[in-house]
Protein backbone atom coordinates (compact mmCIF):
# COMPACT_ATOMS: atom_id res chain seq x y z
CA MET A 1 -57.76 -45.71 -99.67
CA LYS A 2 -54.41 -44.09 -100.25
CA THR A 3 -51.25 -44.16 -98.20
CA GLN A 4 -47.65 -43.20 -98.76
CA ASN A 5 -44.70 -45.61 -99.02
CA PRO A 6 -41.16 -44.24 -99.38
CA SER A 7 -40.24 -46.78 -102.06
CA ILE A 8 -43.50 -47.23 -103.96
CA GLY A 9 -44.97 -43.76 -103.51
CA THR A 10 -48.66 -43.04 -103.05
CA ILE A 11 -50.64 -46.28 -102.82
CA GLY A 12 -54.22 -46.57 -104.02
CA MET A 13 -54.27 -43.94 -106.78
CA ALA A 14 -52.47 -42.68 -109.87
CA TYR A 15 -50.33 -39.58 -109.37
CA ALA A 16 -47.48 -37.54 -110.87
CA ASP A 17 -44.06 -38.85 -109.84
CA GLN A 18 -42.00 -35.76 -110.60
CA VAL A 19 -38.68 -37.30 -109.55
CA ASN A 20 -38.99 -40.04 -112.20
CA ASN A 21 -40.88 -37.98 -114.81
CA ARG A 22 -43.92 -40.28 -114.95
CA THR A 23 -47.43 -40.99 -113.81
CA LYS A 24 -47.66 -44.05 -111.60
CA GLY A 25 -49.92 -45.94 -109.27
CA PHE A 26 -49.99 -49.02 -107.06
CA PHE A 27 -53.57 -50.23 -106.65
CA ILE A 28 -54.25 -52.36 -103.61
CA GLY A 29 -57.67 -53.77 -104.41
CA VAL A 30 -57.31 -57.44 -105.36
CA HIS A 31 -58.63 -58.06 -108.88
CA GLY A 32 -60.40 -61.31 -109.76
CA SER A 33 -61.35 -60.65 -113.38
CA LEU A 34 -60.01 -58.89 -116.46
CA ALA A 35 -63.02 -56.57 -116.29
CA GLU A 36 -61.88 -55.41 -112.83
CA VAL A 37 -58.31 -54.86 -114.07
CA ARG A 38 -59.60 -52.89 -117.09
CA SER A 39 -61.80 -50.77 -114.83
CA THR A 40 -58.88 -49.88 -112.53
CA LEU A 41 -56.58 -49.10 -115.45
CA ALA A 42 -59.31 -46.97 -117.08
CA ARG A 43 -59.64 -44.96 -113.84
CA ALA A 44 -55.85 -44.54 -113.75
CA LEU A 45 -55.89 -43.22 -117.30
CA GLU A 46 -58.41 -40.54 -116.28
CA VAL A 47 -55.65 -38.85 -114.27
CA PRO A 48 -53.88 -36.20 -116.37
CA ARG A 49 -50.67 -37.69 -117.71
CA PHE A 50 -47.41 -36.39 -116.28
CA GLY A 51 -44.03 -37.06 -117.83
CA SER A 52 -42.92 -39.49 -120.49
CA ARG A 53 -43.90 -42.78 -118.84
CA GLU A 54 -46.88 -44.30 -117.03
CA THR A 55 -46.62 -47.33 -114.74
CA TYR A 56 -49.39 -49.06 -112.82
CA ARG A 57 -49.23 -52.08 -110.51
CA ILE A 58 -52.26 -54.29 -110.06
CA LEU A 59 -52.83 -57.08 -107.52
CA ALA A 60 -54.64 -60.16 -108.87
CA ASP A 61 -55.96 -63.30 -107.26
CA GLY A 62 -55.71 -66.85 -108.55
CA ARG A 63 -58.77 -66.61 -110.81
CA LEU A 64 -56.58 -64.70 -113.29
CA SER A 65 -53.71 -66.52 -114.94
CA GLU A 66 -50.33 -65.02 -115.68
CA ALA A 67 -51.06 -65.39 -119.41
CA GLU A 68 -54.36 -63.48 -119.14
CA LEU A 69 -52.66 -60.63 -117.32
CA LYS A 70 -49.78 -60.53 -119.82
CA ASP A 71 -52.14 -60.47 -122.81
CA LEU A 72 -54.23 -57.55 -121.55
CA GLN A 73 -53.62 -54.25 -123.34
CA MET A 74 -55.58 -51.03 -123.19
CA VAL A 75 -55.53 -48.22 -125.70
CA ILE A 76 -56.93 -44.82 -124.83
CA GLU A 77 -56.20 -42.09 -127.36
CA ASP A 78 -52.42 -42.15 -127.93
CA ARG A 79 -51.68 -44.22 -124.82
CA ARG A 80 -51.19 -47.99 -125.09
CA LEU A 81 -50.86 -49.75 -121.76
CA HIS A 82 -49.28 -53.17 -121.99
CA CYS A 83 -48.12 -55.65 -119.39
CA GLU A 84 -44.37 -55.43 -118.78
CA ALA A 85 -44.24 -58.15 -116.15
CA VAL A 86 -46.27 -60.45 -113.92
CA VAL A 87 -44.65 -61.38 -110.64
CA PRO A 88 -46.03 -64.43 -108.83
CA VAL A 89 -46.78 -64.00 -105.14
CA ARG A 90 -46.09 -67.21 -103.27
CA HIS A 91 -47.58 -68.34 -99.96
CA HIS A 92 -50.32 -65.73 -99.83
CA ASP A 93 -53.97 -66.69 -99.33
CA ILE A 94 -55.45 -63.95 -101.52
CA VAL A 95 -52.93 -62.30 -103.87
CA ALA A 96 -51.45 -64.57 -106.57
CA HIS A 97 -49.80 -62.00 -108.89
CA ILE A 98 -48.60 -58.42 -109.14
CA ALA A 99 -48.98 -57.21 -112.73
CA TYR A 100 -47.05 -54.21 -114.07
CA TYR A 101 -48.71 -52.19 -116.85
CA ALA A 102 -46.93 -49.35 -118.61
CA HIS A 103 -46.87 -46.90 -121.48
CA ASN A 104 -43.80 -45.04 -122.73
CA ASN A 105 -43.92 -41.95 -124.88
CA PRO A 106 -41.77 -42.34 -128.01
CA GLU A 107 -38.98 -40.17 -126.59
CA ARG A 108 -38.70 -42.51 -123.59
CA SER A 109 -38.50 -45.72 -125.64
CA ASN A 110 -35.17 -47.20 -126.63
CA SER A 111 -34.40 -47.76 -130.29
CA VAL A 112 -33.85 -51.32 -131.51
CA THR A 113 -30.14 -50.48 -131.93
CA THR A 114 -29.81 -49.27 -128.33
CA THR A 115 -31.71 -52.27 -126.99
CA SER A 116 -29.54 -54.78 -128.86
CA GLN A 117 -26.34 -53.23 -127.49
């Protein structure tokens, strides 16, 4: 299933976000295991990369802890997806977290000097 949201973009698949020079996706299936998260991220990485950044949002239920989601990394060729953030979802019966996974090309990453300023 894919739909369009003015703020998020296309929901349910990875796609080229030309305005922000990146590949991104917001996946709406609720994930209950790390294997399910890995499978979704692997499918996202099958989409040809566009731009200098990739960002993917994953919904997770309460069977996955924040720590498990934060620790998950995936490396495919020269792309290393890591968790940038896990946002708790309160007062929802199914979704417990939204996890943000990303990869930046070297030219998009800040240097240590820039980051410390």
